[in-house]
N, C-alpha and C. Protein backbone atom coordinates (compact mmCIF):
# COMPACT_ATOMS: atom_id res chain seq x y z
N MET A 1 -8.92 -26.88 -7.12
CA MET A 1 -8.06 -27.25 -8.35
C MET A 1 -7.96 -28.37 -8.68
N ILE A 2 -8.33 -28.80 -9.98
CA ILE A 2 -8.54 -29.97 -10.48
C ILE A 2 -7.36 -30.13 -11.65
N ARG A 3 -6.40 -31.17 -11.73
CA ARG A 3 -5.36 -30.94 -12.74
C ARG A 3 -5.29 -32.28 -13.40
N ARG A 4 -5.74 -32.30 -14.47
CA ARG A 4 -5.90 -33.37 -15.46
C ARG A 4 -4.58 -33.72 -15.91
N ALA A 5 -4.41 -35.31 -15.94
CA ALA A 5 -3.21 -35.83 -16.62
C ALA A 5 -2.46 -35.23 -17.89
N GLU A 6 -3.19 -34.56 -18.73
CA GLU A 6 -2.75 -34.30 -19.85
C GLU A 6 -2.20 -33.01 -19.68
N GLU A 7 -2.58 -32.24 -18.51
CA GLU A 7 -2.34 -31.04 -18.34
C GLU A 7 -0.98 -30.54 -17.36
N MET A 8 -0.24 -31.99 -17.02
CA MET A 8 0.69 -31.74 -16.34
C MET A 8 2.00 -31.60 -17.21
N LEU A 9 2.59 -30.71 -16.43
CA LEU A 9 4.44 -30.70 -17.06
C LEU A 9 4.97 -31.86 -16.85
N GLN A 10 5.69 -32.38 -18.18
CA GLN A 10 6.49 -33.53 -17.84
C GLN A 10 7.59 -33.06 -18.31
N GLU A 11 8.92 -33.74 -17.73
CA GLU A 11 10.05 -33.38 -17.57
C GLU A 11 11.13 -34.93 -17.79
N VAL A 12 12.18 -34.55 -18.57
CA VAL A 12 12.88 -35.66 -18.58
C VAL A 12 14.71 -34.94 -18.44
N ARG A 13 15.22 -35.47 -17.03
CA ARG A 13 16.80 -34.98 -16.83
C ARG A 13 17.83 -36.28 -17.06
N GLU A 14 18.82 -35.93 -17.58
CA GLU A 14 19.75 -37.12 -17.82
C GLU A 14 20.88 -36.85 -16.81
N LYS A 15 20.93 -38.01 -16.06
CA LYS A 15 22.07 -37.96 -15.07
C LYS A 15 21.98 -37.06 -13.88
N MET A 16 20.91 -36.95 -13.38
CA MET A 16 20.22 -35.98 -12.47
C MET A 16 21.05 -36.13 -11.04
N ARG A 17 21.50 -35.08 -10.72
CA ARG A 17 22.23 -35.00 -9.44
C ARG A 17 23.67 -36.06 -9.43
N GLY A 18 23.85 -36.29 -10.87
CA GLY A 18 25.37 -37.18 -11.09
C GLY A 18 24.72 -38.65 -11.20
N GLY A 19 23.47 -39.02 -11.00
CA GLY A 19 23.15 -40.20 -11.09
C GLY A 19 23.23 -41.19 -12.40
N ASN A 20 22.77 -42.14 -12.69
CA ASN A 20 22.61 -42.89 -13.86
C ASN A 20 21.53 -42.94 -14.89
N GLY A 21 21.82 -42.64 -15.98
CA GLY A 21 20.44 -42.70 -16.79
C GLY A 21 19.56 -41.37 -16.90
N LYS A 22 18.13 -41.68 -17.11
CA LYS A 22 17.25 -40.45 -17.23
C LYS A 22 16.29 -40.44 -16.33
N VAL A 23 15.85 -39.49 -15.62
CA VAL A 23 14.84 -39.55 -14.61
C VAL A 23 13.57 -38.57 -15.35
N GLU A 24 12.52 -39.13 -15.35
CA GLU A 24 11.13 -38.72 -15.79
C GLU A 24 10.47 -37.85 -14.64
N ILE A 25 10.35 -36.85 -14.48
CA ILE A 25 9.30 -36.13 -13.47
C ILE A 25 8.13 -35.35 -14.20
N LEU A 26 7.05 -36.03 -13.67
CA LEU A 26 5.78 -35.27 -13.79
C LEU A 26 5.43 -34.17 -12.84
N HIS A 27 5.56 -33.21 -13.09
CA HIS A 27 5.39 -32.27 -12.14
C HIS A 27 3.56 -32.10 -11.91
N ILE A 28 3.07 -32.51 -10.80
CA ILE A 28 1.54 -32.59 -10.50
C ILE A 28 1.20 -31.20 -10.23
N PHE A 29 1.84 -30.50 -9.70
CA PHE A 29 1.58 -29.13 -9.54
C PHE A 29 3.01 -27.91 -9.56
N GLN A 30 3.04 -26.81 -10.02
CA GLN A 30 4.08 -26.36 -10.25
C GLN A 30 4.47 -25.09 -9.10
N ARG A 31 5.53 -25.09 -8.57
CA ARG A 31 5.99 -24.22 -7.48
C ARG A 31 5.10 -23.16 -7.23
N HIS A 32 4.38 -22.31 -8.41
CA HIS A 32 3.90 -20.94 -8.43
C HIS A 32 1.98 -21.17 -8.34
N GLU A 33 2.14 -22.63 -8.17
CA GLU A 33 0.73 -22.98 -8.04
C GLU A 33 0.37 -23.18 -6.72
N LEU A 34 1.21 -23.60 -5.80
CA LEU A 34 1.11 -24.24 -4.81
C LEU A 34 0.94 -22.75 -3.47
N GLY A 35 0.23 -23.00 -2.78
CA GLY A 35 -0.10 -21.85 -1.74
C GLY A 35 0.94 -22.05 -0.54
N GLY A 36 1.26 -23.22 -0.26
CA GLY A 36 2.21 -23.49 0.69
C GLY A 36 3.50 -23.29 0.35
N ASN A 37 4.38 -23.72 1.49
CA ASN A 37 5.88 -23.19 1.25
C ASN A 37 6.52 -24.29 0.75
N ALA A 38 6.10 -24.74 -0.47
CA ALA A 38 6.83 -25.94 -1.15
C ALA A 38 7.49 -25.64 -2.55
N ARG A 39 8.11 -26.51 -3.10
CA ARG A 39 8.85 -26.00 -4.17
C ARG A 39 8.76 -27.08 -5.46
N LEU A 40 8.55 -28.34 -4.58
CA LEU A 40 8.27 -29.60 -5.56
C LEU A 40 7.10 -30.21 -5.35
N CYS A 41 5.97 -30.72 -5.94
CA CYS A 41 5.25 -31.51 -6.16
C CYS A 41 4.94 -32.33 -7.43
N ALA A 42 5.59 -34.00 -7.44
CA ALA A 42 5.95 -34.21 -8.36
C ALA A 42 5.65 -35.89 -8.57
N LYS A 43 6.07 -36.62 -9.58
CA LYS A 43 5.80 -38.07 -9.64
C LYS A 43 7.03 -38.43 -10.08
N ILE A 44 8.17 -38.94 -9.62
CA ILE A 44 9.22 -39.01 -10.39
C ILE A 44 9.36 -40.52 -10.83
N THR A 45 10.12 -40.83 -11.92
CA THR A 45 10.05 -42.37 -12.26
C THR A 45 11.28 -42.74 -12.86
N LEU A 46 11.70 -43.55 -12.36
CA LEU A 46 12.96 -44.35 -12.56
C LEU A 46 13.01 -45.47 -13.36
N GLN A 47 13.31 -45.71 -14.48
CA GLN A 47 13.59 -47.06 -15.11
C GLN A 47 14.87 -47.87 -14.59
N PRO A 48 14.82 -49.41 -14.63
CA PRO A 48 15.62 -50.18 -14.23
C PRO A 48 16.94 -49.48 -14.66
N GLY A 49 17.93 -49.59 -13.32
CA GLY A 49 19.17 -49.07 -13.53
C GLY A 49 19.46 -47.74 -13.58
N CYS A 50 18.63 -46.86 -13.66
CA CYS A 50 18.47 -45.36 -13.37
C CYS A 50 18.60 -44.94 -11.98
N SER A 51 19.26 -43.68 -11.57
CA SER A 51 19.33 -43.13 -10.15
C SER A 51 19.31 -41.58 -10.30
N ILE A 52 19.22 -41.15 -8.99
CA ILE A 52 19.20 -40.05 -8.61
C ILE A 52 20.34 -39.79 -7.76
N GLY A 53 21.61 -39.13 -8.07
CA GLY A 53 22.47 -39.28 -7.31
C GLY A 53 22.41 -38.61 -6.02
N PHE A 54 23.31 -38.87 -4.74
CA PHE A 54 23.58 -38.20 -3.53
C PHE A 54 23.50 -36.78 -3.48
N HIS A 55 22.40 -36.15 -2.87
CA HIS A 55 22.48 -34.67 -2.66
C HIS A 55 21.95 -34.21 -1.23
N ASN A 56 22.41 -33.06 -0.96
CA ASN A 56 21.57 -32.67 0.60
C ASN A 56 20.37 -31.61 0.43
N HIS A 57 19.96 -31.61 1.45
CA HIS A 57 18.66 -30.75 1.54
C HIS A 57 18.87 -29.75 2.73
N ASP A 58 19.19 -28.56 2.16
CA ASP A 58 19.78 -27.50 3.47
C ASP A 58 18.54 -26.78 3.42
N ASP A 59 17.99 -26.23 4.59
CA ASP A 59 16.97 -25.14 4.38
C ASP A 59 15.63 -25.90 4.04
N GLU A 60 15.39 -26.92 3.80
CA GLU A 60 14.15 -27.89 3.13
C GLU A 60 14.21 -29.31 3.55
N GLU A 61 12.98 -29.97 3.39
CA GLU A 61 12.80 -31.42 3.11
C GLU A 61 12.24 -31.94 2.33
N GLU A 62 12.73 -33.21 1.90
CA GLU A 62 11.79 -33.83 0.67
C GLU A 62 11.43 -35.19 1.22
N VAL A 63 10.54 -35.37 0.96
CA VAL A 63 9.49 -36.56 1.30
C VAL A 63 9.44 -37.41 -0.23
N PHE A 64 9.63 -38.49 0.08
CA PHE A 64 9.58 -39.62 -1.33
C PHE A 64 8.66 -41.00 -0.70
N TYR A 65 7.41 -40.95 -1.45
CA TYR A 65 6.50 -42.21 -1.10
C TYR A 65 6.80 -42.64 -2.21
N ILE A 66 7.24 -44.13 -2.01
CA ILE A 66 7.50 -45.31 -3.27
C ILE A 66 6.17 -45.76 -3.75
N ILE A 67 5.46 -45.35 -4.68
CA ILE A 67 4.41 -46.19 -5.31
C ILE A 67 4.46 -47.41 -6.25
N ARG A 68 5.21 -47.61 -6.46
CA ARG A 68 5.96 -48.96 -7.53
C ARG A 68 7.17 -48.86 -7.71
N GLY A 69 7.46 -50.53 -7.46
CA GLY A 69 8.94 -50.88 -7.39
C GLY A 69 9.86 -50.93 -6.26
N LYS A 70 10.97 -50.96 -6.74
CA LYS A 70 11.87 -51.58 -5.46
C LYS A 70 13.19 -50.74 -6.37
N GLY A 71 13.99 -50.54 -5.09
CA GLY A 71 14.92 -49.77 -5.02
C GLY A 71 16.23 -49.53 -3.93
N THR A 72 17.04 -48.63 -4.00
CA THR A 72 18.03 -48.62 -2.88
C THR A 72 18.16 -46.95 -2.75
N VAL A 73 18.23 -46.74 -1.32
CA VAL A 73 18.09 -45.34 -1.34
C VAL A 73 19.44 -45.20 -0.13
N ASN A 74 20.44 -44.20 -0.56
CA ASN A 74 21.59 -43.78 0.15
C ASN A 74 20.64 -42.99 1.46
N ASP A 75 20.47 -43.15 2.46
CA ASP A 75 19.76 -42.27 3.90
C ASP A 75 20.81 -41.84 4.39
N ASP A 76 21.40 -40.58 3.91
CA ASP A 76 22.40 -40.03 4.49
C ASP A 76 23.64 -40.63 4.94
N GLY A 77 24.14 -41.81 4.21
CA GLY A 77 25.21 -42.22 4.24
C GLY A 77 24.91 -43.73 4.49
N ARG A 78 23.55 -44.18 4.93
CA ARG A 78 23.26 -45.52 5.03
C ARG A 78 22.35 -46.17 3.91
N GLU A 79 22.83 -47.19 3.59
CA GLU A 79 22.37 -47.87 2.25
C GLU A 79 20.83 -48.61 3.00
N GLU A 80 19.96 -48.33 2.07
CA GLU A 80 18.60 -49.26 2.70
C GLU A 80 17.59 -49.81 1.36
N ALA A 81 17.09 -50.69 1.12
CA ALA A 81 16.01 -51.14 0.34
C ALA A 81 14.87 -50.75 0.41
N VAL A 82 14.07 -50.34 -0.71
CA VAL A 82 12.80 -49.59 -0.31
C VAL A 82 11.93 -50.36 -1.48
N GLU A 83 10.61 -50.31 -1.08
CA GLU A 83 10.04 -50.83 -2.22
C GLU A 83 8.52 -50.24 -1.82
N ALA A 84 7.50 -50.27 -2.94
CA ALA A 84 6.17 -49.96 -2.64
C ALA A 84 5.34 -49.71 -1.49
N GLY A 85 5.01 -48.81 -0.84
CA GLY A 85 4.80 -48.32 0.57
C GLY A 85 5.54 -47.80 1.23
N ASP A 86 6.84 -47.94 1.03
CA ASP A 86 7.76 -47.22 1.98
C ASP A 86 7.83 -45.78 1.60
N ALA A 87 8.43 -44.99 2.56
CA ALA A 87 8.26 -43.53 2.64
C ALA A 87 9.74 -43.07 3.05
N ILE A 88 10.43 -42.00 2.60
CA ILE A 88 11.65 -41.59 3.09
C ILE A 88 11.68 -40.01 3.45
N LEU A 89 12.31 -39.44 4.34
CA LEU A 89 12.08 -38.05 4.61
C LEU A 89 13.61 -37.63 4.91
N THR A 90 13.84 -36.87 4.30
CA THR A 90 15.35 -36.06 4.35
C THR A 90 15.18 -34.62 4.73
N GLY A 91 16.02 -34.11 5.34
CA GLY A 91 16.19 -32.31 5.75
C GLY A 91 17.14 -32.10 6.74
N GLY A 92 17.07 -31.04 6.83
CA GLY A 92 18.12 -30.22 8.09
C GLY A 92 19.52 -30.37 7.54
N GLY A 93 19.79 -30.56 6.36
CA GLY A 93 21.27 -30.62 5.90
C GLY A 93 21.79 -32.11 5.40
N ALA A 94 20.93 -32.92 5.56
CA ALA A 94 20.98 -34.17 5.51
C ALA A 94 20.59 -34.69 4.05
N GLY A 95 21.51 -35.60 3.28
CA GLY A 95 21.27 -36.03 2.20
C GLY A 95 20.69 -37.39 1.65
N HIS A 96 20.48 -37.71 0.41
CA HIS A 96 20.10 -38.80 0.00
C HIS A 96 20.25 -39.05 -1.63
N GLY A 97 20.20 -40.12 -2.06
CA GLY A 97 20.06 -40.77 -3.17
C GLY A 97 19.15 -41.98 -3.59
N ILE A 98 18.75 -42.09 -4.52
CA ILE A 98 18.07 -43.39 -4.62
C ILE A 98 17.90 -43.95 -6.06
N ALA A 99 18.07 -45.31 -6.48
CA ALA A 99 18.62 -45.81 -7.55
C ALA A 99 17.52 -47.03 -7.58
N ASN A 100 16.91 -47.63 -9.03
CA ASN A 100 16.08 -48.47 -9.11
C ASN A 100 17.08 -49.69 -9.25
N THR A 101 16.74 -50.69 -8.41
CA THR A 101 17.45 -51.62 -8.49
C THR A 101 16.43 -53.03 -8.56
N GLY A 102 15.07 -52.72 -8.97
CA GLY A 102 14.37 -53.84 -9.46
C GLY A 102 14.32 -53.69 -11.27
N ASP A 103 13.35 -54.69 -11.40
CA ASP A 103 13.44 -54.73 -12.97
C ASP A 103 12.17 -54.23 -13.80
N GLU A 104 11.58 -53.36 -12.84
CA GLU A 104 10.33 -52.75 -13.52
C GLU A 104 10.63 -51.25 -13.06
N PRO A 105 9.46 -50.19 -13.58
CA PRO A 105 9.93 -48.73 -12.96
C PRO A 105 9.64 -48.53 -11.74
N LEU A 106 10.55 -47.48 -11.32
CA LEU A 106 10.50 -46.95 -9.79
C LEU A 106 9.64 -46.07 -9.91
N GLU A 107 8.52 -45.88 -9.28
CA GLU A 107 7.36 -44.34 -9.08
C GLU A 107 7.57 -44.06 -8.06
N ILE A 108 7.56 -42.77 -7.78
CA ILE A 108 7.96 -41.90 -6.38
C ILE A 108 7.34 -41.01 -6.18
N MET A 109 6.32 -40.60 -5.23
CA MET A 109 5.78 -39.42 -5.33
C MET A 109 6.67 -38.37 -4.38
N ALA A 110 7.01 -37.49 -4.65
CA ALA A 110 8.16 -36.22 -4.20
C ALA A 110 7.48 -35.21 -3.81
N MET A 111 7.86 -34.65 -2.84
CA MET A 111 7.49 -33.20 -2.36
C MET A 111 8.64 -32.74 -1.81
N ILE A 112 8.95 -31.50 -2.05
CA ILE A 112 10.12 -30.28 -1.45
C ILE A 112 9.64 -29.37 -0.41
N LEU A 113 9.62 -29.17 0.71
CA LEU A 113 8.78 -28.27 1.56
C LEU A 113 10.07 -27.58 2.06
N LEU A 114 9.81 -26.34 1.88
CA LEU A 114 11.05 -25.09 2.68
C LEU A 114 10.60 -24.97 4.06
N TYR A 115 11.68 -24.47 4.59
CA TYR A 115 11.67 -24.18 6.07
C TYR A 115 11.31 -22.70 6.14
């Protein structure tokens, strides 16, 4: 299956998970299109100063791959700086949040896999 950019569902969420500002979500494939045990395949964009608040992942895991920009991740209580090329794995009841601390958009490839 080939999904053209103009066919992808775009969504904007305000103060996602208690975070700041707007989160832009480009759903590359939707849950019903994925044959595997996944519920999200998307590119997430956070403008400078925007964030996704801390939240847990029970019975699932989320993979973030930083495509562009710089930010700070709360990795289950530990704050770490991240940048393009870094990856984060959160699951098994652990939690995370992420903030754009740079001066350009923070772009993240995100996948949520279910156990």
